[in-house]
Amino acid sequence: MIFTAGDQHGIEKHEIGLRHDDFVICCDAGYRLAQCLGVRPDLLLGDFDSYTGALPEDIPVQRYIRDKDDTDTVIAVRYALEHGYDSILLVAATGGRLDHLLGNLQILAFISEKAPGTAAEILGSHERVWLLDGGSLSIQGKPESTFSVLCHSDRAEGVTIRGARFGLENAVMTNRFPLGISNRIGEERIATISVEKGILFVIYPKEV
């Protein structure tokens, strides 16, 4: 689990599903969110340009220079992959700067490329984001709950959406047209998205 320095408003502890054996990394000002939620990190890292407060003496800290190729979040993801973690949740990785948001979406694709089969997800202030690189994903919610499916790769083939108001069957999507914006979960309360070839983002706004 990786706490980042994105938009931290509205994120609640029950949403992150923290387990006793989860390894928690805080990137820079991600530590501020962990403090607010009462979560004790196992590792603090970053260039600390967005967090300038005191750091605990009993938690390991890895410091990096500001002028580097990898963002703090990428460094944290590399650490998680190198240590064999098969599930990565990026917390507070949306909102704020658009370039950071797009970069964090690309990080999901980076995880899929470097460690196929790793479950990777973003939890933001207003939404959850999953990357689907082949295979299928089911999301649960109230009837008429909104979700969107967008193509990340140049082309995605065999895209099927069931259990939604607007279904697809063995369709082709591209990253040049937002075909899957604002779909709705059906009466069965479960929508399933699958893709045979290509990469999709599935975005599910939080219900209020």
C-alpha atoms as a PDB file:
ATOM      1  CA  MET A   1       0.000   0.000   0.000  1.00  0.00           C
ATOM      2  CA  ILE A   2       1.446   3.323  -1.104  1.00  0.00           C
ATOM      3  CA  PHE A   3       0.275   6.684   0.228  1.00  0.00           C
ATOM      4  CA  THR A   4       0.976   9.491  -2.230  1.00  0.00           C
ATOM      5  CA  ALA A   5       0.782  13.277  -2.061  1.00  0.00           C
ATOM      6  CA  GLY A   6      -2.246  13.735  -4.328  1.00  0.00           C
ATOM      7  CA  ASP A   7      -5.669  15.018  -3.279  1.00  0.00           C
ATOM      8  CA  GLN A   8      -6.184  13.564   0.193  1.00  0.00           C
ATOM      9  CA  HIS A   9      -9.561  15.080   1.039  1.00  0.00           C
ATOM     10  CA  GLY A  10     -12.415  12.665   1.630  1.00  0.00           C
ATOM     11  CA  ILE A  11     -10.335   9.493   1.878  1.00  0.00           C
ATOM     12  CA  GLU A  12     -11.423   7.438   4.872  1.00  0.00           C
ATOM     13  CA  LYS A  13      -9.613   4.608   6.608  1.00  0.00           C
ATOM     14  CA  HIS A  14     -12.283   1.979   5.936  1.00  0.00           C
ATOM     15  CA  GLU A  15     -11.867   2.533   2.174  1.00  0.00           C
ATOM     16  CA  ILE A  16      -8.254   1.426   2.062  1.00  0.00           C
ATOM     17  CA  GLY A  17      -8.979  -2.014   3.527  1.00  0.00           C
ATOM     18  CA  LEU A  18      -5.765  -2.112   5.537  1.00  0.00           C
ATOM     19  CA  ARG A  19      -4.774  -5.574   6.752  1.00  0.00           C
ATOM     20  CA  HIS A  20      -2.346  -6.386   9.541  1.00  0.00           C
ATOM     21  CA  ASP A  21       0.200  -7.841   7.112  1.00  0.00           C
ATOM     22  CA  ASP A  22       0.129  -4.990   4.573  1.00  0.00           C
ATOM     23  CA  PHE A  23       3.424  -3.202   3.940  1.00  0.00           C
ATOM     24  CA  VAL A  24       2.775   0.552   3.935  1.00  0.00           C
ATOM     25  CA  ILE A  25       4.992   3.040   2.100  1.00  0.00           C
ATOM     26  CA  CYS A  26       4.476   6.784   2.392  1.00  0.00           C
ATOM     27  CA  CYS A  27       5.762   8.992  -0.410  1.00  0.00           C
ATOM     28  CA  ASP A  28       6.671  12.458   0.834  1.00  0.00           C
ATOM     29  CA  ALA A  29       3.425  14.218   1.894  1.00  0.00           C
ATOM     30  CA  GLY A  30       1.639  10.897   1.738  1.00  0.00           C
ATOM     31  CA  TYR A  31       2.842  10.610   5.315  1.00  0.00           C
ATOM     32  CA  ARG A  32       0.457  13.425   6.253  1.00  0.00           C
ATOM     33  CA  LEU A  33      -2.531  11.336   5.132  1.00  0.00           C
ATOM     34  CA  ALA A  34      -1.260   8.277   6.986  1.00  0.00           C
ATOM     35  CA  GLN A  35      -1.018  10.369  10.139  1.00  0.00           C
ATOM     36  CA  CYS A  36      -4.576  11.638   9.701  1.00  0.00           C
ATOM     37  CA  LEU A  37      -5.888   8.090   9.254  1.00  0.00           C
ATOM     38  CA  GLY A  38      -3.875   6.667  12.131  1.00  0.00           C
ATOM     39  CA  VAL A  39      -1.852   4.391   9.846  1.00  0.00           C
ATOM     40  CA  ARG A  40       1.744   3.618  10.805  1.00  0.00           C
ATOM     41  CA  PRO A  41       3.952   3.259   7.705  1.00  0.00           C
ATOM     42  CA  ASP A  42       6.729   0.715   7.346  1.00  0.00           C
ATOM     43  CA  LEU A  43       8.822   2.966   5.097  1.00  0.00           C
ATOM     44  CA  LEU A  44       9.020   6.682   4.292  1.00  0.00           C
ATOM     45  CA  LEU A  45      10.622   7.785   1.042  1.00  0.00           C
ATOM     46  CA  GLY A  46      10.918  10.690  -1.341  1.00  0.00           C
ATOM     47  CA  ASP A  47      12.658  13.977  -1.961  1.00  0.00           C
ATOM     48  CA  PHE A  48      10.457  15.593   0.708  1.00  0.00           C
ATOM     49  CA  ASP A  49       9.593  18.675  -1.293  1.00  0.00           C
ATOM     50  CA  SER A  50       5.926  18.522  -0.261  1.00  0.00           C
ATOM     51  CA  TYR A  51       6.347  17.426   3.356  1.00  0.00           C
ATOM     52  CA  THR A  52       8.647  19.429   5.588  1.00  0.00           C
ATOM     53  CA  GLY A  53       7.443  18.378   9.035  1.00  0.00           C
ATOM     54  CA  ALA A  54       9.174  16.169  11.541  1.00  0.00           C
ATOM     55  CA  LEU A  55       9.685  12.520  10.645  1.00  0.00           C
ATOM     56  CA  PRO A  56       9.524   9.693  13.201  1.00  0.00           C
ATOM     57  CA  GLU A  57      12.871   8.329  14.288  1.00  0.00           C
ATOM     58  CA  ASP A  58      11.673   4.728  14.512  1.00  0.00           C
ATOM     59  CA  ILE A  59      10.557   4.335  10.879  1.00  0.00           C
ATOM     60  CA  PRO A  60      13.091   3.825   8.041  1.00  0.00           C
ATOM     61  CA  VAL A  61      13.490   6.803   5.703  1.00  0.00           C
ATOM     62  CA  GLN A  62      14.915   6.768   2.179  1.00  0.00           C
ATOM     63  CA  ARG A  63      15.754  10.250   0.879  1.00  0.00           C
ATOM     64  CA  TYR A  64      16.273  11.152  -2.775  1.00  0.00           C
ATOM     65  CA  ILE A  65      17.344  14.274  -4.615  1.00  0.00           C
ATOM     66  CA  ARG A  66      14.670  16.318  -6.376  1.00  0.00           C
ATOM     67  CA  ASP A  67      16.338  16.094  -9.784  1.00  0.00           C
ATOM     68  CA  LYS A  68      15.714  12.452 -10.605  1.00  0.00           C
ATOM     69  CA  ASP A  69      14.108  10.435 -13.389  1.00  0.00           C
ATOM     70  CA  ASP A  70      11.551   8.595 -11.248  1.00  0.00           C
ATOM     71  CA  THR A  71       8.797  10.264  -9.256  1.00  0.00           C
ATOM     72  CA  ASP A  72       8.537   9.345  -5.590  1.00  0.00           C
ATOM     73  CA  THR A  73       5.564   7.149  -6.432  1.00  0.00           C
ATOM     74  CA  VAL A  74       7.497   5.269  -9.122  1.00  0.00           C
ATOM     75  CA  ILE A  75      10.325   4.678  -6.645  1.00  0.00           C
ATOM     76  CA  ALA A  76       7.809   3.259  -4.165  1.00  0.00           C
ATOM     77  CA  VAL A  77       6.268   1.020  -6.830  1.00  0.00           C
ATOM     78  CA  ARG A  78       9.683  -0.269  -7.882  1.00  0.00           C
ATOM     79  CA  TYR A  79      10.381  -1.097  -4.231  1.00  0.00           C
ATOM     80  CA  ALA A  80       7.096  -2.992  -3.941  1.00  0.00           C
ATOM     81  CA  LEU A  81       7.706  -4.973  -7.128  1.00  0.00           C
ATOM     82  CA  GLU A  82      11.307  -5.786  -6.199  1.00  0.00           C
ATOM     83  CA  HIS A  83      10.085  -7.166  -2.882  1.00  0.00           C
ATOM     84  CA  GLY A  84       7.495  -9.389  -4.520  1.00  0.00           C
ATOM     85  CA  TYR A  85       4.251  -7.747  -3.434  1.00  0.00           C
ATOM     86  CA  ASP A  86       1.427  -8.977  -5.666  1.00  0.00           C
ATOM     87  CA  SER A  87      -1.124  -6.295  -4.811  1.00  0.00           C
ATOM     88  CA  ILE A  88      -0.480  -2.543  -4.930  1.00  0.00           C
ATOM     89  CA  LEU A  89      -2.941   0.141  -3.871  1.00  0.00           C
ATOM     90  CA  LEU A  90      -2.002   3.736  -4.643  1.00  0.00           C
ATOM     91  CA  VAL A  91      -3.818   5.937  -2.136  1.00  0.00           C
ATOM     92  CA  ALA A  92      -4.524   9.631  -2.927  1.00  0.00           C
ATOM     93  CA  ALA A  93      -3.064   9.311  -6.420  1.00  0.00           C
ATOM     94  CA  THR A  94      -5.659  11.482  -8.190  1.00  0.00           C
ATOM     95  CA  GLY A  95      -6.558  15.160  -8.121  1.00  0.00           C
ATOM     96  CA  GLY A  96      -4.132  18.018  -7.939  1.00  0.00           C
ATOM     97  CA  ARG A  97      -1.837  18.402 -10.939  1.00  0.00           C
ATOM     98  CA  LEU A  98      -3.043  16.892 -14.202  1.00  0.00           C
ATOM     99  CA  ASP A  99       0.445  15.688 -15.140  1.00  0.00           C
ATOM    100  CA  HIS A 100       0.711  13.790 -11.861  1.00  0.00           C
ATOM    101  CA  LEU A 101      -2.711  12.213 -12.428  1.00  0.00           C
ATOM    102  CA  LEU A 102      -1.813  11.052 -15.932  1.00  0.00           C
ATOM    103  CA  GLY A 103       1.551   9.837 -14.675  1.00  0.00           C
ATOM    104  CA  ASN A 104      -0.098   7.802 -11.921  1.00  0.00           C
ATOM    105  CA  LEU A 105      -2.456   6.214 -14.449  1.00  0.00           C
ATOM    106  CA  GLN A 106       0.607   5.253 -16.472  1.00  0.00           C
ATOM    107  CA  ILE A 107       2.094   3.728 -13.320  1.00  0.00           C
ATOM    108  CA  LEU A 108      -0.772   1.214 -13.319  1.00  0.00           C
ATOM    109  CA  ALA A 109       0.268   0.208 -16.836  1.00  0.00           C
ATOM    110  CA  PHE A 110       3.913   0.067 -15.719  1.00  0.00           C
ATOM    111  CA  ILE A 111       2.965  -2.358 -12.940  1.00  0.00           C
ATOM    112  CA  SER A 112       1.064  -4.548 -15.386  1.00  0.00           C
ATOM    113  CA  GLU A 113       4.029  -4.634 -17.770  1.00  0.00           C
ATOM    114  CA  LYS A 114       6.706  -5.314 -15.160  1.00  0.00           C
ATOM    115  CA  ALA A 115       4.707  -7.778 -13.056  1.00  0.00           C
ATOM    116  CA  PRO A 116       1.787  -9.285 -14.987  1.00  0.00           C
ATOM    117  CA  GLY A 117      -0.921 -10.525 -12.672  1.00  0.00           C
ATOM    118  CA  THR A 118      -0.214  -7.961  -9.969  1.00  0.00           C
ATOM    119  CA  ALA A 119      -3.425  -6.388  -8.715  1.00  0.00           C
ATOM    120  CA  ALA A 120      -3.021  -2.616  -9.081  1.00  0.00           C
ATOM    121  CA  GLU A 121      -5.567   0.014  -8.126  1.00  0.00           C
ATOM    122  CA  ILE A 122      -5.822   3.728  -7.412  1.00  0.00           C
ATOM    123  CA  LEU A 123      -7.977   5.056  -4.589  1.00  0.00           C
ATOM    124  CA  GLY A 124      -8.627   8.758  -5.009  1.00  0.00           C
ATOM    125  CA  SER A 125     -10.748  11.302  -3.225  1.00  0.00           C
ATOM    126  CA  HIS A 126     -13.624  10.822  -5.641  1.00  0.00           C
ATOM    127  CA  GLU A 127     -13.015   7.560  -7.469  1.00  0.00           C
ATOM    128  CA  ARG A 128     -11.364   4.169  -7.740  1.00  0.00           C
ATOM    129  CA  VAL A 129      -9.378   3.265 -10.849  1.00  0.00           C
ATOM    130  CA  TRP A 130      -8.380  -0.199 -12.036  1.00  0.00           C
ATOM    131  CA  LEU A 131      -6.272  -1.216 -15.009  1.00  0.00           C
ATOM    132  CA  LEU A 132      -7.519  -4.219 -16.957  1.00  0.00           C
ATOM    133  CA  ASP A 133      -4.822  -5.808 -19.141  1.00  0.00           C
ATOM    134  CA  GLY A 134      -6.725  -8.759 -20.535  1.00  0.00           C
ATOM    135  CA  GLY A 135      -9.134 -10.755 -18.385  1.00  0.00           C
ATOM    136  CA  SER A 136     -12.186  -9.446 -16.581  1.00  0.00           C
ATOM    137  CA  LEU A 137     -13.236  -7.272 -13.669  1.00  0.00           C
ATOM    138  CA  SER A 138     -16.541  -7.006 -11.804  1.00  0.00           C
ATOM    139  CA  ILE A 139     -17.688  -3.934  -9.907  1.00  0.00           C
ATOM    140  CA  GLN A 140     -20.574  -3.813  -7.478  1.00  0.00           C
ATOM    141  CA  GLY A 141     -22.811  -0.863  -6.756  1.00  0.00           C
ATOM    142  CA  LYS A 142     -26.299   0.489  -6.613  1.00  0.00           C
ATOM    143  CA  PRO A 143     -28.401   0.360  -9.797  1.00  0.00           C
ATOM    144  CA  GLU A 144     -27.657   3.395 -11.958  1.00  0.00           C
ATOM    145  CA  SER A 145     -24.264   3.958 -10.313  1.00  0.00           C
ATOM    146  CA  THR A 146     -21.928   5.529 -12.842  1.00  0.00           C
ATOM    147  CA  PHE A 147     -18.727   3.959 -14.106  1.00  0.00           C
ATOM    148  CA  SER A 148     -16.522   4.531 -17.132  1.00  0.00           C
ATOM    149  CA  VAL A 149     -14.326   2.308 -19.272  1.00  0.00           C
ATOM    150  CA  LEU A 150     -11.557   3.937 -21.300  1.00  0.00           C
ATOM    151  CA  CYS A 151      -8.962   2.429 -23.612  1.00  0.00           C
ATOM    152  CA  HIS A 152      -5.331   3.025 -22.631  1.00  0.00           C
ATOM    153  CA  SER A 153      -3.601   1.040 -25.367  1.00  0.00           C
ATOM    154  CA  ASP A 154      -3.899   2.122 -29.000  1.00  0.00           C
ATOM    155  CA  ARG A 155      -6.569  -0.523 -29.476  1.00  0.00           C
ATOM    156  CA  ALA A 156      -8.487  -2.962 -27.288  1.00  0.00           C
ATOM    157  CA  GLU A 157     -10.238  -5.952 -28.828  1.00  0.00           C
ATOM    158  CA  GLY A 158     -12.938  -8.251 -27.552  1.00  0.00           C
ATOM    159  CA  VAL A 159     -14.318  -5.690 -25.108  1.00  0.00           C
ATOM    160  CA  THR A 160     -17.472  -6.928 -23.409  1.00  0.00           C
ATOM    161  CA  ILE A 161     -19.548  -5.090 -20.812  1.00  0.00           C
ATOM    162  CA  ARG A 162     -22.441  -6.903 -19.148  1.00  0.00           C
ATOM    163  CA  GLY A 163     -24.764  -6.021 -16.320  1.00  0.00           C
ATOM    164  CA  ALA A 164     -24.825  -2.369 -17.352  1.00  0.00           C
ATOM    165  CA  ARG A 165     -27.322  -0.069 -19.011  1.00  0.00           C
ATOM    166  CA  PHE A 166     -25.115   0.187 -22.074  1.00  0.00           C
ATOM    167  CA  GLY A 167     -23.653  -3.192 -22.942  1.00  0.00           C
ATOM    168  CA  LEU A 168     -20.896  -4.135 -25.345  1.00  0.00           C
ATOM    169  CA  GLU A 169     -20.196  -7.521 -26.877  1.00  0.00           C
ATOM    170  CA  ASN A 170     -16.838  -8.337 -28.440  1.00  0.00           C
ATOM    171  CA  ALA A 171     -16.316  -4.686 -29.358  1.00  0.00           C
ATOM    172  CA  VAL A 172     -13.230  -2.738 -30.354  1.00  0.00           C
ATOM    173  CA  MET A 173     -12.198   0.380 -28.426  1.00  0.00           C
ATOM    174  CA  THR A 174      -9.367   2.814 -29.146  1.00  0.00           C
ATOM    175  CA  ASN A 175      -7.615   5.519 -27.162  1.00  0.00           C
ATOM    176  CA  ARG A 176      -8.778   8.139 -29.643  1.00  0.00           C
ATOM    177  CA  PHE A 177     -12.454   8.170 -28.653  1.00  0.00           C
ATOM    178  CA  PRO A 178     -14.091   8.016 -25.169  1.00  0.00           C
ATOM    179  CA  LEU A 179     -16.722   5.416 -26.020  1.00  0.00           C
ATOM    180  CA  GLY A 180     -17.133   4.107 -22.472  1.00  0.00           C
ATOM    181  CA  ILE A 181     -17.817   7.328 -20.542  1.00  0.00           C
ATOM    182  CA  SER A 182     -20.659   7.371 -17.960  1.00  0.00           C
ATOM    183  CA  ASN A 183     -22.150   3.908 -18.188  1.00  0.00           C
ATOM    184  CA  ARG A 184     -24.576   2.730 -15.489  1.00  0.00           C
ATOM    185  CA  ILE A 185     -24.669  -0.384 -13.332  1.00  0.00           C
ATOM    186  CA  GLY A 186     -27.813  -2.442 -13.988  1.00  0.00           C
ATOM    187  CA  GLU A 187     -30.501  -3.785 -11.688  1.00  0.00           C
ATOM    188  CA  GLU A 188     -28.402  -6.826 -10.753  1.00  0.00           C
ATOM    189  CA  ARG A 189     -25.941  -4.440  -9.046  1.00  0.00           C
ATOM    190  CA  ILE A 190     -22.895  -6.038 -10.688  1.00  0.00           C
ATOM    191  CA  ALA A 191     -21.261  -4.948 -13.919  1.00  0.00           C
ATOM    192  CA  THR A 192     -18.558  -7.069 -15.540  1.00  0.00           C
ATOM    193  CA  ILE A 193     -15.979  -5.710 -17.949  1.00  0.00           C
ATOM    194  CA  SER A 194     -13.693  -7.985 -19.934  1.00  0.00           C
ATOM    195  CA  VAL A 195     -11.123  -7.514 -22.688  1.00  0.00           C
ATOM    196  CA  GLU A 196      -9.363 -10.131 -24.800  1.00  0.00           C
ATOM    197  CA  LYS A 197      -6.483  -7.980 -26.001  1.00  0.00           C
ATOM    198  CA  GLY A 198      -5.443  -4.501 -24.951  1.00  0.00           C
ATOM    199  CA  ILE A 199      -5.522  -2.330 -21.862  1.00  0.00           C
ATOM    200  CA  LEU A 200      -8.527  -0.599 -20.314  1.00  0.00           C
ATOM    201  CA  PHE A 201      -8.996   1.777 -17.414  1.00  0.00           C
ATOM    202  CA  VAL A 202     -12.109   1.168 -15.336  1.00  0.00           C
ATOM    203  CA  ILE A 203     -13.111   4.229 -13.312  1.00  0.00           C
ATOM    204  CA  TYR A 204     -15.747   4.023 -10.614  1.00  0.00           C
ATOM    205  CA  PRO A 205     -16.727   7.256  -8.855  1.00  0.00           C
ATOM    206  CA  LYS A 206     -17.428   6.906  -5.158  1.00  0.00           C
ATOM    207  CA  GLU A 207     -21.076   6.731  -4.230  1.00  0.00           C
ATOM    208  CA  VAL A 208     -22.343   9.543  -2.044  1.00  0.00           C
END
